[in-house]
Amino acid sequence: MVNPDSVRPDYRQLTIFLVKPLLDSPEQLVVSSETTLGGRRIRLRIAFDGEDKGRVFGRGGRTINAIRALVECAGRAAEQDVNLEVYE
């Protein structure tokens, strides 16, 4: 079994990897993170050009929900609570 303290995913890079290909203006992507509760809770915030909103959210929010699910799953594997928020 892997010790969760020895493996901490880079949530920022994971988010960039998942979101950047969807953007027409990838240089506008901004990903910030905040860690609380001694590293157990991570809040990711992403911002991008408003023109790309439809591509990132997808039909009915399916795309952004899938990205959130992947990031949250990586967090669960490391015993961390990860929340992804979108800002304009």
Protein backbone atom coordinates (compact mmCIF):
# COMPACT_ATOMS: atom_id res chain seq x y z
CA MET A 1 0.00 0.00 0.00
CA VAL A 2 1.24 3.49 -0.89
CA ASN A 3 1.65 5.97 1.95
CA PRO A 4 -0.59 8.96 1.05
CA ASP A 5 1.89 11.36 2.66
CA SER A 6 4.57 10.34 0.17
CA VAL A 7 2.39 10.93 -2.90
CA ARG A 8 0.79 14.34 -3.34
CA PRO A 9 -0.66 14.99 -6.77
CA ASP A 10 0.10 18.29 -8.45
CA TYR A 11 -3.52 19.38 -8.80
CA ARG A 12 -2.59 22.61 -10.53
CA GLN A 13 -0.71 20.80 -13.31
CA LEU A 14 -3.46 18.18 -13.59
CA THR A 15 -6.06 20.93 -14.02
CA ILE A 16 -3.95 22.70 -16.65
CA PHE A 17 -3.49 19.38 -18.48
CA LEU A 18 -7.26 18.79 -18.54
CA VAL A 19 -8.49 22.32 -19.34
CA LYS A 20 -5.86 23.79 -21.66
CA PRO A 21 -6.71 21.64 -24.74
CA LEU A 22 -10.30 22.91 -24.58
CA LEU A 23 -9.32 26.57 -24.89
CA ASP A 24 -9.00 28.70 -27.99
CA SER A 25 -6.88 31.09 -25.89
CA PRO A 26 -4.83 28.78 -23.64
CA GLU A 27 -2.52 31.63 -22.63
CA GLN A 28 -5.48 33.17 -20.76
CA LEU A 29 -5.78 30.18 -18.42
CA VAL A 30 -5.02 30.99 -14.78
CA VAL A 31 -5.01 28.26 -12.13
CA SER A 32 -4.51 29.13 -8.48
CA SER A 33 -4.68 26.95 -5.41
CA GLU A 34 -5.18 27.40 -1.70
CA THR A 35 -4.41 24.75 0.91
CA THR A 36 -6.11 24.63 4.31
CA LEU A 37 -6.54 22.26 7.25
CA GLY A 38 -2.91 21.26 7.26
CA GLY A 39 -2.91 20.23 3.61
CA ARG A 40 -6.06 18.13 3.81
CA ARG A 41 -8.27 20.56 1.85
CA ILE A 42 -7.27 22.10 -1.48
CA ARG A 43 -9.29 24.72 -3.32
CA LEU A 44 -8.44 25.20 -7.00
CA ARG A 45 -9.66 28.23 -8.89
CA ILE A 46 -9.52 28.50 -12.65
CA ALA A 47 -10.13 31.50 -14.87
CA PHE A 48 -10.03 31.76 -18.65
CA ASP A 49 -11.28 33.87 -21.53
CA GLY A 50 -15.07 34.18 -21.50
CA GLU A 51 -15.22 33.07 -25.14
CA ASP A 52 -14.07 29.59 -24.07
CA LYS A 53 -16.76 29.17 -21.43
CA GLY A 54 -18.98 26.96 -23.58
CA ARG A 55 -16.15 24.61 -24.47
CA VAL A 56 -15.00 24.22 -20.87
CA PHE A 57 -18.47 23.74 -19.41
CA GLY A 58 -19.81 21.58 -22.22
CA ARG A 59 -23.41 20.66 -22.80
CA GLY A 60 -25.26 20.78 -19.50
CA GLY A 61 -21.96 21.19 -17.61
CA ARG A 62 -20.79 17.68 -18.47
CA THR A 63 -17.23 18.63 -19.35
CA ILE A 64 -16.51 20.72 -16.25
CA ASN A 65 -18.16 18.09 -14.06
CA ALA A 66 -15.94 15.40 -15.57
CA ILE A 67 -12.85 17.55 -14.93
CA ARG A 68 -13.99 18.11 -11.34
CA ALA A 69 -14.55 14.37 -10.89
CA LEU A 70 -11.01 13.56 -12.09
CA VAL A 71 -9.40 16.15 -9.84
CA GLU A 72 -11.49 15.04 -6.86
CA CYS A 73 -10.61 11.40 -7.52
CA ALA A 74 -6.91 12.26 -7.48
CA GLY A 75 -7.52 13.99 -4.17
CA ARG A 76 -9.32 11.02 -2.66
CA ALA A 77 -6.40 8.78 -3.63
CA ALA A 78 -4.13 11.11 -1.62
CA GLU A 79 -6.69 11.44 1.20
CA GLN A 80 -7.32 15.11 0.42
CA ASP A 81 -10.50 17.04 -0.23
CA VAL A 82 -10.14 18.93 -3.52
CA ASN A 83 -12.64 21.50 -4.79
CA LEU A 84 -12.46 23.08 -8.28
CA GLU A 85 -14.13 26.45 -8.84
CA VAL A 86 -14.44 28.48 -12.05
CA TYR A 87 -14.04 32.26 -12.05
CA GLU A 88 -14.60 34.66 -14.89
